[in-house]
Every structure is written in structure tokens, then in C-alpha cells.
């Protein structure tokens, strides 16, 4: 039976921080800065995700991971809720990065709740 290794402490929080930065700069990188709604959503959401990622890196609390998971889910639905679903590259950025944030947070929550599984 192959052994599973736990990810280094806070690896998921670093992933979330990188995703936050990528989302923040995505309007320029993906050339959708002309759409004010999508750009503002990327900036605001990127900053909020970064705040929770940094908070989790500084002093971990499980509730921060739950908030990060919810933020990831928010990123997935934001294009339709906020109203920029016609901006394809913005939708792609939000959905892909949202999936990564939600999955990274879920993985860390799993690690917290099931340390015996990760220790084998």
C-alpha cells in the first residue's frame, strides 16, 4: 500500500494567496480591464481572498478555511450574480481560480478533520 504524505503546513493557504494575486491582476493579464464590473469584482474578491489566506498563514483558525472555501464557491458563481457572464475570459478566470481556492480550502479542512488518514 502506498503511503500518503501530508502537504506541508499551510501549503493550501499559499495556493489561495497565489490565486488571489492572479485574480487581482487578471483584468490586465487577460485583457478584460475594459469591463468595469468584472475588473472591480476581480480586485475586491482578490483582496478578500488574500486577506483570509494571509490570516491563515499568520495564525491558523479553522473558520478561516471555511470562509476561504465559501469565497472559492463565490468566485465560481460571481460572474452570473454580479453580471459579467458575457466576458468569457473573466468568467474563466473566476471559475478556474474559484475551483482551485475551494478545493485547496476543502483539502486543508480534510487534513484538519482527518489527520490520521494523512499520517499513513
PDB file of N, CA and C in Angstrom:
ATOM      1  N   UNK A   1       0.843  -1.179   0.000  1.00  0.00           N
ATOM      2  CA  UNK A   1       0.000   0.000   0.000  1.00  0.00           C
ATOM      3  C   UNK A   1       0.888   1.242   0.000  1.00  0.00           C
ATOM      4  N   UNK A   2       0.656   2.128  -0.909  1.00  0.00           N
ATOM      5  CA  UNK A   2       1.466   3.345  -0.993  1.00  0.00           C
ATOM      6  C   UNK A   2       1.093   4.280   0.143  1.00  0.00           C
ATOM      7  N   UNK A   3       2.091   4.924   0.704  1.00  0.00           N
ATOM      8  CA  UNK A   3       1.803   5.859   1.790  1.00  0.00           C
ATOM      9  C   UNK A   3       1.505   7.242   1.219  1.00  0.00           C
ATOM     10  N   UNK A   4       0.607   7.936   1.907  1.00  0.00           N
ATOM     11  CA  UNK A   4       0.263   9.297   1.503  1.00  0.00           C
ATOM     12  C   UNK A   4       0.995  10.256   2.413  1.00  0.00           C
ATOM     13  N   UNK A   5       1.539  11.280   1.837  1.00  0.00           N
ATOM     14  CA  UNK A   5       2.236  12.289   2.619  1.00  0.00           C
ATOM     15  C   UNK A   5       1.343  13.511   2.745  1.00  0.00           C
ATOM     16  N   UNK A   6       1.291  14.080   3.921  1.00  0.00           N
ATOM     17  CA  UNK A   6       0.535  15.309   4.123  1.00  0.00           C
ATOM     18  C   UNK A   6       1.271  16.450   3.436  1.00  0.00           C
ATOM     19  N   UNK A   7       0.500  17.386   2.942  1.00  0.00           N
ATOM     20  CA  UNK A   7       1.121  18.580   2.356  1.00  0.00           C
ATOM     21  C   UNK A   7       1.803  19.366   3.456  1.00  0.00           C
ATOM     22  N   UNK A   8       2.834  20.128   3.119  1.00  0.00           N
ATOM     23  CA  UNK A   8       3.471  20.960   4.130  1.00  0.00           C
ATOM     24  C   UNK A   8       2.441  21.895   4.772  1.00  0.00           C
ATOM     25  N   UNK A   9       2.684  22.232   6.010  1.00  0.00           N
ATOM     26  CA  UNK A   9       1.767  23.116   6.723  1.00  0.00           C
ATOM     27  C   UNK A   9       1.511  24.378   5.917  1.00  0.00           C
ATOM     28  N   UNK A  10       0.269  24.692   5.791  1.00  0.00           N
ATOM     29  CA  UNK A  10      -0.178  25.924   5.118  1.00  0.00           C
ATOM     30  C   UNK A  10       0.028  25.948   3.609  1.00  0.00           C
ATOM     31  N   UNK A  11       0.339  24.836   2.996  1.00  0.00           N
ATOM     32  CA  UNK A  11       0.519  24.842   1.537  1.00  0.00           C
ATOM     33  C   UNK A  11      -0.738  25.340   0.839  1.00  0.00           C
ATOM     34  N   UNK A  12      -1.890  24.930   1.331  1.00  0.00           N
ATOM     35  CA  UNK A  12      -3.141  25.357   0.712  1.00  0.00           C
ATOM     36  C   UNK A  12      -3.355  26.856   0.861  1.00  0.00           C
ATOM     37  N   UNK A  13      -2.902  27.421   1.964  1.00  0.00           N
ATOM     38  CA  UNK A  13      -3.049  28.866   2.157  1.00  0.00           C
ATOM     39  C   UNK A  13      -2.167  29.629   1.170  1.00  0.00           C
ATOM     40  N   UNK A  14      -0.996  29.086   0.879  1.00  0.00           N
ATOM     41  CA  UNK A  14      -0.138  29.705  -0.137  1.00  0.00           C
ATOM     42  C   UNK A  14      -0.789  29.611  -1.508  1.00  0.00           C
ATOM     43  N   UNK A  15      -1.419  28.474  -1.789  1.00  0.00           N
ATOM     44  CA  UNK A  15      -2.141  28.311  -3.059  1.00  0.00           C
ATOM     45  C   UNK A  15      -3.244  29.365  -3.154  1.00  0.00           C
ATOM     46  N   UNK A  16      -3.992  29.552  -2.071  1.00  0.00           N
ATOM     47  CA  UNK A  16      -5.061  30.551  -2.079  1.00  0.00           C
ATOM     48  C   UNK A  16      -4.509  31.964  -2.264  1.00  0.00           C
ATOM     49  N   UNK A  17      -3.367  32.244  -1.660  1.00  0.00           N
ATOM     50  CA  UNK A  17      -2.767  33.564  -1.814  1.00  0.00           C
ATOM     51  C   UNK A  17      -2.338  33.802  -3.262  1.00  0.00           C
ATOM     52  N   UNK A  18      -1.741  32.810  -3.875  1.00  0.00           N
ATOM     53  CA  UNK A  18      -1.353  32.923  -5.289  1.00  0.00           C
ATOM     54  C   UNK A  18      -2.590  33.127  -6.162  1.00  0.00           C
ATOM     55  N   UNK A  19      -3.651  32.381  -5.888  1.00  0.00           N
ATOM     56  CA  UNK A  19      -4.893  32.560  -6.653  1.00  0.00           C
ATOM     57  C   UNK A  19      -5.455  33.961  -6.478  1.00  0.00           C
ATOM     58  N   UNK A  20      -5.374  34.496  -5.270  1.00  0.00           N
ATOM     59  CA  UNK A  20      -5.858  35.858  -5.014  1.00  0.00           C
ATOM     60  C   UNK A  20      -5.078  36.872  -5.845  1.00  0.00           C
ATOM     61  N   UNK A  21      -3.765  36.720  -5.874  1.00  0.00           N
ATOM     62  CA  UNK A  21      -2.932  37.629  -6.670  1.00  0.00           C
ATOM     63  C   UNK A  21      -3.266  37.489  -8.153  1.00  0.00           C
ATOM     64  N   UNK A  22      -3.393  36.250  -8.611  1.00  0.00           N
ATOM     65  CA  UNK A  22      -3.734  36.024 -10.024  1.00  0.00           C
ATOM     66  C   UNK A  22      -5.084  36.637 -10.375  1.00  0.00           C
ATOM     67  N   UNK A  23      -6.068  36.501  -9.486  1.00  0.00           N
ATOM     68  CA  UNK A  23      -7.370  37.094  -9.750  1.00  0.00           C
ATOM     69  C   UNK A  23      -7.268  38.617  -9.786  1.00  0.00           C
ATOM     70  N   UNK A  24      -6.506  39.182  -8.862  1.00  0.00           N
ATOM     71  CA  UNK A  24      -6.356  40.639  -8.809  1.00  0.00           C
ATOM     72  C   UNK A  24      -5.737  41.195 -10.087  1.00  0.00           C
ATOM     73  N   UNK A  25      -4.741  40.510 -10.630  1.00  0.00           N
ATOM     74  CA  UNK A  25      -4.067  41.014 -11.835  1.00  0.00           C
ATOM     75  C   UNK A  25      -4.700  40.508 -13.130  1.00  0.00           C
ATOM     76  N   UNK A  26      -5.679  39.615 -13.019  1.00  0.00           N
ATOM     77  CA  UNK A  26      -6.288  39.029 -14.218  1.00  0.00           C
ATOM     78  C   UNK A  26      -6.913  40.034 -15.178  1.00  0.00           C
ATOM     79  N   UNK A  27      -7.481  41.155 -14.728  1.00  0.00           N
ATOM     80  CA  UNK A  27      -8.036  42.098 -15.705  1.00  0.00           C
ATOM     81  C   UNK A  27      -6.985  42.604 -16.706  1.00  0.00           C
ATOM     82  N   UNK A  28      -5.757  42.769 -16.255  1.00  0.00           N
ATOM     83  CA  UNK A  28      -4.703  43.250 -17.156  1.00  0.00           C
ATOM     84  C   UNK A  28      -4.101  42.097 -17.958  1.00  0.00           C
ATOM     85  N   UNK A  29      -3.862  40.985 -17.281  1.00  0.00           N
ATOM     86  CA  UNK A  29      -3.243  39.834 -17.945  1.00  0.00           C
ATOM     87  C   UNK A  29      -4.154  39.257 -19.023  1.00  0.00           C
ATOM     88  N   UNK A  30      -5.445  39.169 -18.715  1.00  0.00           N
ATOM     89  CA  UNK A  30      -6.406  38.565 -19.638  1.00  0.00           C
ATOM     90  C   UNK A  30      -7.182  39.601 -20.458  1.00  0.00           C
ATOM     91  N   UNK A  31      -6.818  40.859 -20.301  1.00  0.00           N
ATOM     92  CA  UNK A  31      -7.359  41.963 -21.112  1.00  0.00           C
ATOM     93  C   UNK A  31      -8.872  42.134 -20.995  1.00  0.00           C
ATOM     94  N   UNK A  32      -9.381  42.087 -19.755  1.00  0.00           N
ATOM     95  CA  UNK A  32     -10.781  42.444 -19.576  1.00  0.00           C
ATOM     96  C   UNK A  32     -10.948  43.668 -18.675  1.00  0.00           C
ATOM     97  N   UNK A  33      -9.879  44.461 -18.559  1.00  0.00           N
ATOM     98  CA  UNK A  33      -9.928  45.654 -17.711  1.00  0.00           C
ATOM     99  C   UNK A  33     -10.909  46.704 -18.231  1.00  0.00           C
ATOM    100  N   UNK A  34     -11.335  46.574 -19.474  1.00  0.00           N
ATOM    101  CA  UNK A  34     -12.325  47.498 -20.013  1.00  0.00           C
ATOM    102  C   UNK A  34     -13.713  47.279 -19.440  1.00  0.00           C
ATOM    103  N   UNK A  35     -13.959  46.115 -18.872  1.00  0.00           N
ATOM    104  CA  UNK A  35     -15.244  45.843 -18.238  1.00  0.00           C
ATOM    105  C   UNK A  35     -15.119  46.187 -16.753  1.00  0.00           C
ATOM    106  N   UNK A  36     -15.726  47.307 -16.380  1.00  0.00           N
ATOM    107  CA  UNK A  36     -15.589  47.837 -15.019  1.00  0.00           C
ATOM    108  C   UNK A  36     -16.127  46.851 -13.978  1.00  0.00           C
ATOM    109  N   UNK A  37     -17.239  46.228 -14.243  1.00  0.00           N
ATOM    110  CA  UNK A  37     -17.850  45.309 -13.276  1.00  0.00           C
ATOM    111  C   UNK A  37     -16.936  44.112 -13.023  1.00  0.00           C
ATOM    112  N   UNK A  38     -16.457  43.496 -14.078  1.00  0.00           N
ATOM    113  CA  UNK A  38     -15.580  42.329 -13.928  1.00  0.00           C
ATOM    114  C   UNK A  38     -14.270  42.716 -13.255  1.00  0.00           C
ATOM    115  N   UNK A  39     -13.739  43.867 -13.623  1.00  0.00           N
ATOM    116  CA  UNK A  39     -12.473  44.319 -13.040  1.00  0.00           C
ATOM    117  C   UNK A  39     -12.617  44.588 -11.551  1.00  0.00           C
ATOM    118  N   UNK A  40     -13.655  45.317 -11.175  1.00  0.00           N
ATOM    119  CA  UNK A  40     -13.864  45.604  -9.744  1.00  0.00           C
ATOM    120  C   UNK A  40     -14.108  44.325  -8.954  1.00  0.00           C
ATOM    121  N   UNK A  41     -14.863  43.406  -9.538  1.00  0.00           N
ATOM    122  CA  UNK A  41     -15.117  42.126  -8.860  1.00  0.00           C
ATOM    123  C   UNK A  41     -13.809  41.366  -8.651  1.00  0.00           C
ATOM    124  N   UNK A  42     -12.933  41.393  -9.651  1.00  0.00           N
ATOM    125  CA  UNK A  42     -11.639  40.713  -9.533  1.00  0.00           C
ATOM    126  C   UNK A  42     -10.788  41.361  -8.447  1.00  0.00           C
ATOM    127  N   UNK A  43     -10.768  42.677  -8.415  1.00  0.00           N
ATOM    128  CA  UNK A  43      -9.971  43.377  -7.401  1.00  0.00           C
ATOM    129  C   UNK A  43     -10.495  43.107  -5.993  1.00  0.00           C
ATOM    130  N   UNK A  44     -11.785  43.293  -5.811  1.00  0.00           N
ATOM    131  CA  UNK A  44     -12.367  43.136  -4.469  1.00  0.00           C
ATOM    132  C   UNK A  44     -12.242  41.695  -3.990  1.00  0.00           C
ATOM    133  N   UNK A  45     -12.613  40.752  -4.848  1.00  0.00           N
ATOM    134  CA  UNK A  45     -12.547  39.347  -4.451  1.00  0.00           C
ATOM    135  C   UNK A  45     -11.103  38.922  -4.219  1.00  0.00           C
ATOM    136  N   UNK A  46     -10.188  39.374  -5.074  1.00  0.00           N
ATOM    137  CA  UNK A  46      -8.779  39.051  -4.900  1.00  0.00           C
ATOM    138  C   UNK A  46      -8.242  39.539  -3.569  1.00  0.00           C
ATOM    139  N   UNK A  47      -8.606  40.747  -3.188  1.00  0.00           N
ATOM    140  CA  UNK A  47      -8.149  41.310  -1.913  1.00  0.00           C
ATOM    141  C   UNK A  47      -8.731  40.524  -0.741  1.00  0.00           C
ATOM    142  N   UNK A  48     -10.012  40.203  -0.812  1.00  0.00           N
ATOM    143  CA  UNK A  48     -10.647  39.466   0.293  1.00  0.00           C
ATOM    144  C   UNK A  48     -10.039  38.065   0.437  1.00  0.00           C
ATOM    145  N   UNK A  49      -9.843  37.371  -0.667  1.00  0.00           N
ATOM    146  CA  UNK A  49      -9.218  36.037  -0.608  1.00  0.00           C
ATOM    147  C   UNK A  49      -7.806  36.158  -0.042  1.00  0.00           C
ATOM    148  N   UNK A  50      -7.069  37.173  -0.455  1.00  0.00           N
ATOM    149  CA  UNK A  50      -5.704  37.378   0.051  1.00  0.00           C
ATOM    150  C   UNK A  50      -5.704  37.641   1.553  1.00  0.00           C
ATOM    151  N   UNK A  51      -6.641  38.427   2.023  1.00  0.00           N
ATOM    152  CA  UNK A  51      -6.712  38.726   3.463  1.00  0.00           C
ATOM    153  C   UNK A  51      -6.887  37.443   4.264  1.00  0.00           C
ATOM    154  N   UNK A  52      -7.798  36.577   3.823  1.00  0.00           N
ATOM    155  CA  UNK A  52      -8.019  35.339   4.567  1.00  0.00           C
ATOM    156  C   UNK A  52      -6.855  34.369   4.420  1.00  0.00           C
ATOM    157  N   UNK A  53      -6.199  34.359   3.276  1.00  0.00           N
ATOM    158  CA  UNK A  53      -5.029  33.490   3.102  1.00  0.00           C
ATOM    159  C   UNK A  53      -3.891  33.943   4.012  1.00  0.00           C
ATOM    160  N   UNK A  54      -3.655  35.237   4.057  1.00  0.00           N
ATOM    161  CA  UNK A  54      -2.592  35.758   4.924  1.00  0.00           C
ATOM    162  C   UNK A  54      -2.946  35.528   6.391  1.00  0.00           C
ATOM    163  N   UNK A  55      -4.204  35.741   6.744  1.00  0.00           N
ATOM    164  CA  UNK A  55      -4.627  35.498   8.130  1.00  0.00           C
ATOM    165  C   UNK A  55      -4.387  34.047   8.525  1.00  0.00           C
ATOM    166  N   UNK A  56      -4.693  33.123   7.619  1.00  0.00           N
ATOM    167  CA  UNK A  56      -4.476  31.704   7.903  1.00  0.00           C
ATOM    168  C   UNK A  56      -2.986  31.375   8.001  1.00  0.00           C
ATOM    169  N   UNK A  57      -2.166  32.068   7.228  1.00  0.00           N
ATOM    170  CA  UNK A  57      -0.722  31.843   7.302  1.00  0.00           C
ATOM    171  C   UNK A  57      -0.144  32.394   8.603  1.00  0.00           C
ATOM    172  N   UNK A  58      -0.665  33.524   9.059  1.00  0.00           N
ATOM    173  CA  UNK A  58      -0.145  34.167  10.264  1.00  0.00           C
ATOM    174  C   UNK A  58      -0.566  33.406  11.522  1.00  0.00           C
ATOM    175  N   UNK A  59      -1.859  33.148  11.635  1.00  0.00           N
ATOM    176  CA  UNK A  59      -2.354  32.402  12.790  1.00  0.00           C
ATOM    177  C   UNK A  59      -3.566  31.599  12.339  1.00  0.00           C
ATOM    178  N   UNK A  60      -3.357  30.314  12.208  1.00  0.00           N
ATOM    179  CA  UNK A  60      -4.383  29.443  11.657  1.00  0.00           C
ATOM    180  C   UNK A  60      -5.601  29.338  12.568  1.00  0.00           C
ATOM    181  N   UNK A  61      -6.768  29.390  11.947  1.00  0.00           N
ATOM    182  CA  UNK A  61      -8.033  29.076  12.613  1.00  0.00           C
ATOM    183  C   UNK A  61      -8.896  28.354  11.582  1.00  0.00           C
ATOM    184  N   UNK A  62      -9.576  27.314  12.007  1.00  0.00           N
ATOM    185  CA  UNK A  62     -10.362  26.512  11.069  1.00  0.00           C
ATOM    186  C   UNK A  62     -11.420  27.335  10.346  1.00  0.00           C
ATOM    187  N   UNK A  63     -12.012  28.303  11.038  1.00  0.00           N
ATOM    188  CA  UNK A  63     -13.071  29.100  10.424  1.00  0.00           C
ATOM    189  C   UNK A  63     -12.565  29.864   9.205  1.00  0.00           C
ATOM    190  N   UNK A  64     -11.277  30.214   9.198  1.00  0.00           N
ATOM    191  CA  UNK A  64     -10.716  30.911   8.028  1.00  0.00           C
ATOM    192  C   UNK A  64     -10.770  30.023   6.789  1.00  0.00           C
ATOM    193  N   UNK A  65     -10.565  28.732   6.981  1.00  0.00           N
ATOM    194  CA  UNK A  65     -10.635  27.804   5.845  1.00  0.00           C
ATOM    195  C   UNK A  65     -12.066  27.670   5.341  1.00  0.00           C
ATOM    196  N   UNK A  66     -13.025  27.693   6.256  1.00  0.00           N
ATOM    197  CA  UNK A  66     -14.427  27.652   5.835  1.00  0.00           C
ATOM    198  C   UNK A  66     -14.782  28.895   5.029  1.00  0.00           C
ATOM    199  N   UNK A  67     -14.314  30.052   5.478  1.00  0.00           N
ATOM    200  CA  UNK A  67     -14.568  31.296   4.743  1.00  0.00           C
ATOM    201  C   UNK A  67     -13.890  31.231   3.374  1.00  0.00           C
ATOM    202  N   UNK A  68     -12.666  30.734   3.321  1.00  0.00           N
ATOM    203  CA  UNK A  68     -11.955  30.615   2.045  1.00  0.00           C
ATOM    204  C   UNK A  68     -12.682  29.668   1.099  1.00  0.00           C
ATOM    205  N   UNK A  69     -13.205  28.581   1.624  1.00  0.00           N
ATOM    206  CA  UNK A  69     -13.966  27.649   0.785  1.00  0.00           C
ATOM    207  C   UNK A  69     -15.205  28.344   0.221  1.00  0.00           C
ATOM    208  N   UNK A  70     -15.889  29.103   1.055  1.00  0.00           N
ATOM    209  CA  UNK A  70     -17.067  29.855   0.593  1.00  0.00           C
ATOM    210  C   UNK A  70     -16.673  30.917  -0.436  1.00  0.00           C
ATOM    211  N   UNK A  71     -15.535  31.552  -0.226  1.00  0.00           N
ATOM    212  CA  UNK A  71     -15.058  32.537  -1.207  1.00  0.00           C
ATOM    213  C   UNK A  71     -14.769  31.867  -2.548  1.00  0.00           C
ATOM    214  N   UNK A  72     -14.204  30.666  -2.506  1.00  0.00           N
ATOM    215  CA  UNK A  72     -13.972  29.920  -3.744  1.00  0.00           C
ATOM    216  C   UNK A  72     -15.281  29.648  -4.468  1.00  0.00           C
ATOM    217  N   UNK A  73     -16.296  29.229  -3.714  1.00  0.00           N
ATOM    218  CA  UNK A  73     -17.611  28.998  -4.316  1.00  0.00           C
ATOM    219  C   UNK A  73     -18.209  30.302  -4.852  1.00  0.00           C
ATOM    220  N   UNK A  74     -18.007  31.386  -4.101  1.00  0.00           N
ATOM    221  CA  UNK A  74     -18.469  32.696  -4.562  1.00  0.00           C
ATOM    222  C   UNK A  74     -17.817  33.053  -5.905  1.00  0.00           C
ATOM    223  N   UNK A  75     -16.523  32.804  -6.013  1.00  0.00           N
ATOM    224  CA  UNK A  75     -15.817  33.125  -7.252  1.00  0.00           C
ATOM    225  C   UNK A  75     -16.426  32.374  -8.439  1.00  0.00           C
ATOM    226  N   UNK A  76     -16.869  31.152  -8.198  1.00  0.00           N
ATOM    227  CA  UNK A  76     -17.442  30.339  -9.273  1.00  0.00           C
ATOM    228  C   UNK A  76     -18.761  30.937  -9.772  1.00  0.00           C
ATOM    229  N   UNK A  77     -19.574  31.455  -8.874  1.00  0.00           N
ATOM    230  CA  UNK A  77     -20.889  31.974  -9.278  1.00  0.00           C
ATOM    231  C   UNK A  77     -20.904  33.485  -9.514  1.00  0.00           C
ATOM    232  N   UNK A  78     -19.862  34.184  -9.090  1.00  0.00           N
ATOM    233  CA  UNK A  78     -19.827  35.649  -9.185  1.00  0.00           C
ATOM    234  C   UNK A  78     -20.118  36.207 -10.575  1.00  0.00           C
ATOM    235  N   UNK A  79     -19.595  35.628 -11.647  1.00  0.00           N
ATOM    236  CA  UNK A  79     -19.883  36.218 -12.959  1.00  0.00           C
ATOM    237  C   UNK A  79     -21.382  36.334 -13.261  1.00  0.00           C
ATOM    238  N   UNK A  80     -22.160  35.393 -12.796  1.00  0.00           N
ATOM    239  CA  UNK A  80     -23.602  35.412 -13.062  1.00  0.00           C
ATOM    240  C   UNK A  80     -24.338  36.267 -12.040  1.00  0.00           C
ATOM    241  N   UNK A  81     -23.878  36.254 -10.796  1.00  0.00           N
ATOM    242  CA  UNK A  81     -24.528  37.031  -9.746  1.00  0.00           C
ATOM    243  C   UNK A  81     -24.247  38.523  -9.920  1.00  0.00           C
ATOM    244  N   UNK A  82     -22.999  38.852 -10.207  1.00  0.00           N
ATOM    245  CA  UNK A  82     -22.592  40.252 -10.326  1.00  0.00           C
ATOM    246  C   UNK A  82     -22.943  40.822 -11.699  1.00  0.00           C
ATOM    247  N   UNK A  83     -22.937  39.982 -12.724  1.00  0.00           N
ATOM    248  CA  UNK A  83     -23.392  40.428 -14.030  1.00  0.00           C
ATOM    249  C   UNK A  83     -22.323  40.651 -15.086  1.00  0.00           C
ATOM    250  N   UNK A  84     -21.308  39.804 -15.108  1.00  0.00           N
ATOM    251  CA  UNK A  84     -20.327  39.901 -16.185  1.00  0.00           C
ATOM    252  C   UNK A  84     -20.114  38.541 -16.861  1.00  0.00           C
ATOM    253  N   UNK A  85     -21.178  37.770 -16.940  1.00  0.00           N
ATOM    254  CA  UNK A  85     -21.093  36.419 -17.507  1.00  0.00           C
ATOM    255  C   UNK A  85     -20.832  36.417 -19.014  1.00  0.00           C
ATOM    256  N   UNK A  86     -20.939  37.564 -19.661  1.00  0.00           N
ATOM    257  CA  UNK A  86     -20.656  37.633 -21.095  1.00  0.00           C
ATOM    258  C   UNK A  86     -19.182  37.891 -21.386  1.00  0.00           C
ATOM    259  N   UNK A  87     -18.407  38.156 -20.353  1.00  0.00           N
ATOM    260  CA  UNK A  87     -16.973  38.402 -20.509  1.00  0.00           C
ATOM    261  C   UNK A  87     -16.258  37.065 -20.284  1.00  0.00           C
ATOM    262  N   UNK A  88     -16.102  36.317 -21.380  1.00  0.00           N
ATOM    263  CA  UNK A  88     -15.621  34.940 -21.309  1.00  0.00           C
ATOM    264  C   UNK A  88     -14.332  34.734 -20.540  1.00  0.00           C
ATOM    265  N   UNK A  89     -13.342  35.572 -20.770  1.00  0.00           N
ATOM    266  CA  UNK A  89     -12.058  35.371 -20.078  1.00  0.00           C
ATOM    267  C   UNK A  89     -12.186  35.662 -18.586  1.00  0.00           C
ATOM    268  N   UNK A  90     -13.026  36.616 -18.224  1.00  0.00           N
ATOM    269  CA  UNK A  90     -13.249  36.901 -16.807  1.00  0.00           C
ATOM    270  C   UNK A  90     -13.968  35.729 -16.149  1.00  0.00           C
ATOM    271  N   UNK A  91     -14.964  35.180 -16.836  1.00  0.00           N
ATOM    272  CA  UNK A  91     -15.674  34.013 -16.316  1.00  0.00           C
ATOM    273  C   UNK A  91     -14.689  32.865 -16.111  1.00  0.00           C
ATOM    274  N   UNK A  92     -13.851  32.624 -17.094  1.00  0.00           N
ATOM    275  CA  UNK A  92     -12.869  31.536 -16.994  1.00  0.00           C
ATOM    276  C   UNK A  92     -11.936  31.758 -15.805  1.00  0.00           C
ATOM    277  N   UNK A  93     -11.452  32.978 -15.629  1.00  0.00           N
ATOM    278  CA  UNK A  93     -10.546  33.274 -14.515  1.00  0.00           C
ATOM    279  C   UNK A  93     -11.238  33.032 -13.178  1.00  0.00           C
ATOM    280  N   UNK A  94     -12.443  33.543 -13.041  1.00  0.00           N
ATOM    281  CA  UNK A  94     -13.177  33.388 -11.787  1.00  0.00           C
ATOM    282  C   UNK A  94     -13.495  31.918 -11.503  1.00  0.00           C
ATOM    283  N   UNK A  95     -13.964  31.199 -12.502  1.00  0.00           N
ATOM    284  CA  UNK A  95     -14.363  29.805 -12.283  1.00  0.00           C
ATOM    285  C   UNK A  95     -13.142  28.931 -11.981  1.00  0.00           C
ATOM    286  N   UNK A  96     -12.096  29.049 -12.773  1.00  0.00           N
ATOM    287  CA  UNK A  96     -10.908  28.211 -12.559  1.00  0.00           C
ATOM    288  C   UNK A  96     -10.250  28.528 -11.220  1.00  0.00           C
ATOM    289  N   UNK A  97     -10.024  29.808 -10.947  1.00  0.00           N
ATOM    290  CA  UNK A  97      -9.382  30.170  -9.682  1.00  0.00           C
ATOM    291  C   UNK A  97     -10.300  29.870  -8.500  1.00  0.00           C
ATOM    292  N   UNK A  98     -11.601  30.030  -8.689  1.00  0.00           N
ATOM    293  CA  UNK A  98     -12.550  29.683  -7.633  1.00  0.00           C
ATOM    294  C   UNK A  98     -12.522  28.199  -7.300  1.00  0.00           C
ATOM    295  N   UNK A  99     -12.430  27.378  -8.336  1.00  0.00           N
ATOM    296  CA  UNK A  99     -12.318  25.932  -8.107  1.00  0.00           C
ATOM    297  C   UNK A  99     -11.043  25.597  -7.340  1.00  0.00           C
ATOM    298  N   UNK A 100      -9.949  26.241  -7.704  1.00  0.00           N
ATOM    299  CA  UNK A 100      -8.683  25.981  -7.019  1.00  0.00           C
ATOM    300  C   UNK A 100      -8.771  26.405  -5.555  1.00  0.00           C
ATOM    301  N   UNK A 101      -9.314  27.592  -5.295  1.00  0.00           N
ATOM    302  CA  UNK A 101      -9.443  28.083  -3.914  1.00  0.00           C
ATOM    303  C   UNK A 101     -10.360  27.162  -3.106  1.00  0.00           C
ATOM    304  N   UNK A 102     -11.500  26.806  -3.667  1.00  0.00           N
ATOM    305  CA  UNK A 102     -12.437  25.937  -2.951  1.00  0.00           C
ATOM    306  C   UNK A 102     -11.818  24.570  -2.679  1.00  0.00           C
ATOM    307  N   UNK A 103     -11.139  24.010  -3.655  1.00  0.00           N
ATOM    308  CA  UNK A 103     -10.508  22.692  -3.480  1.00  0.00           C
ATOM    309  C   UNK A 103      -9.351  22.746  -2.486  1.00  0.00           C
ATOM    310  N   UNK A 104      -8.544  23.792  -2.552  1.00  0.00           N
ATOM    311  CA  UNK A 104      -7.428  23.924  -1.610  1.00  0.00           C
ATOM    312  C   UNK A 104      -7.943  24.058  -0.180  1.00  0.00           C
ATOM    313  N   UNK A 105      -8.981  24.850  -0.008  1.00  0.00           N
ATOM    314  CA  UNK A 105      -9.557  25.022   1.327  1.00  0.00           C
ATOM    315  C   UNK A 105     -10.197  23.733   1.813  1.00  0.00           C
ATOM    316  N   UNK A 106     -10.907  23.047   0.928  1.00  0.00           N
ATOM    317  CA  UNK A 106     -11.511  21.766   1.292  1.00  0.00           C
ATOM    318  C   UNK A 106     -10.434  20.750   1.665  1.00  0.00           C
ATOM    319  N   UNK A 107      -9.328  20.750   0.945  1.00  0.00           N
ATOM    320  CA  UNK A 107      -8.231  19.831   1.254  1.00  0.00           C
ATOM    321  C   UNK A 107      -7.649  20.118   2.635  1.00  0.00           C
ATOM    322  N   UNK A 108      -7.502  21.390   2.964  1.00  0.00           N
ATOM    323  CA  UNK A 108      -6.965  21.718   4.285  1.00  0.00           C
ATOM    324  C   UNK A 108      -7.965  21.351   5.382  1.00  0.00           C
ATOM    325  N   UNK A 109      -9.247  21.580   5.126  1.00  0.00           N
ATOM    326  CA  UNK A 109     -10.261  21.169   6.097  1.00  0.00           C
ATOM    327  C   UNK A 109     -10.245  19.655   6.285  1.00  0.00           C
ATOM    328  N   UNK A 110     -10.065  18.926   5.191  1.00  0.00           N
ATOM    329  CA  UNK A 110      -9.972  17.465   5.283  1.00  0.00           C
ATOM    330  C   UNK A 110      -8.763  17.064   6.123  1.00  0.00           C
ATOM    331  N   UNK A 111      -7.633  17.718   5.888  1.00  0.00           N
ATOM    332  CA  UNK A 111      -6.418  17.422   6.658  1.00  0.00           C
ATOM    333  C   UNK A 111      -6.635  17.670   8.146  1.00  0.00           C
ATOM    334  N   UNK A 112      -7.340  18.750   8.465  1.00  0.00           N
ATOM    335  CA  UNK A 112      -7.589  19.090   9.870  1.00  0.00           C
ATOM    336  C   UNK A 112      -8.484  18.041  10.514  1.00  0.00           C
ATOM    337  N   UNK A 113      -9.527  17.668   9.809  1.00  0.00           N
ATOM    338  CA  UNK A 113     -10.536  16.754  10.353  1.00  0.00           C
ATOM    339  C   UNK A 113     -10.111  15.285  10.318  1.00  0.00           C
ATOM    340  N   UNK A 114      -9.173  14.947   9.450  1.00  0.00           N
ATOM    341  CA  UNK A 114      -8.750  13.555   9.301  1.00  0.00           C
ATOM    342  C   UNK A 114      -7.219  13.437   9.329  1.00  0.00           C
ATOM    343  N   UNK A 115      -6.590  13.858  10.414  1.00  0.00           N
ATOM    344  CA  UNK A 115      -5.122  13.800  10.465  1.00  0.00           C
ATOM    345  C   UNK A 115      -4.587  12.377  10.419  1.00  0.00           C
ATOM    346  N   UNK A 116      -5.341  11.422  10.907  1.00  0.00           N
ATOM    347  CA  UNK A 116      -4.892  10.031  10.899  1.00  0.00           C
ATOM    348  C   UNK A 116      -4.798   9.462   9.495  1.00  0.00           C
ATOM    349  N   UNK A 117      -5.633   9.937   8.578  1.00  0.00           N
ATOM    350  CA  UNK A 117      -5.593   9.475   7.192  1.00  0.00           C
ATOM    351  C   UNK A 117      -4.325  10.002   6.507  1.00  0.00           C
ATOM    352  N   UNK A 118      -3.990  11.247   6.782  1.00  0.00           N
ATOM    353  CA  UNK A 118      -2.840  11.874   6.144  1.00  0.00           C
ATOM    354  C   UNK A 118      -1.516  11.395   6.761  1.00  0.00           C
ATOM    355  N   UNK A 119      -1.553  10.830   7.952  1.00  0.00           N
ATOM    356  CA  UNK A 119      -0.323  10.414   8.636  1.00  0.00           C
ATOM    357  C   UNK A 119       0.208   9.076   8.131  1.00  0.00           C
ATOM    358  N   UNK A 120      -0.601   8.303   7.439  1.00  0.00           N
ATOM    359  CA  UNK A 120      -0.165   6.984   6.970  1.00  0.00           C
ATOM    360  C   UNK A 120       0.756   7.058   5.805  1.00  0.00           C
TER     361      UNK A 120
END
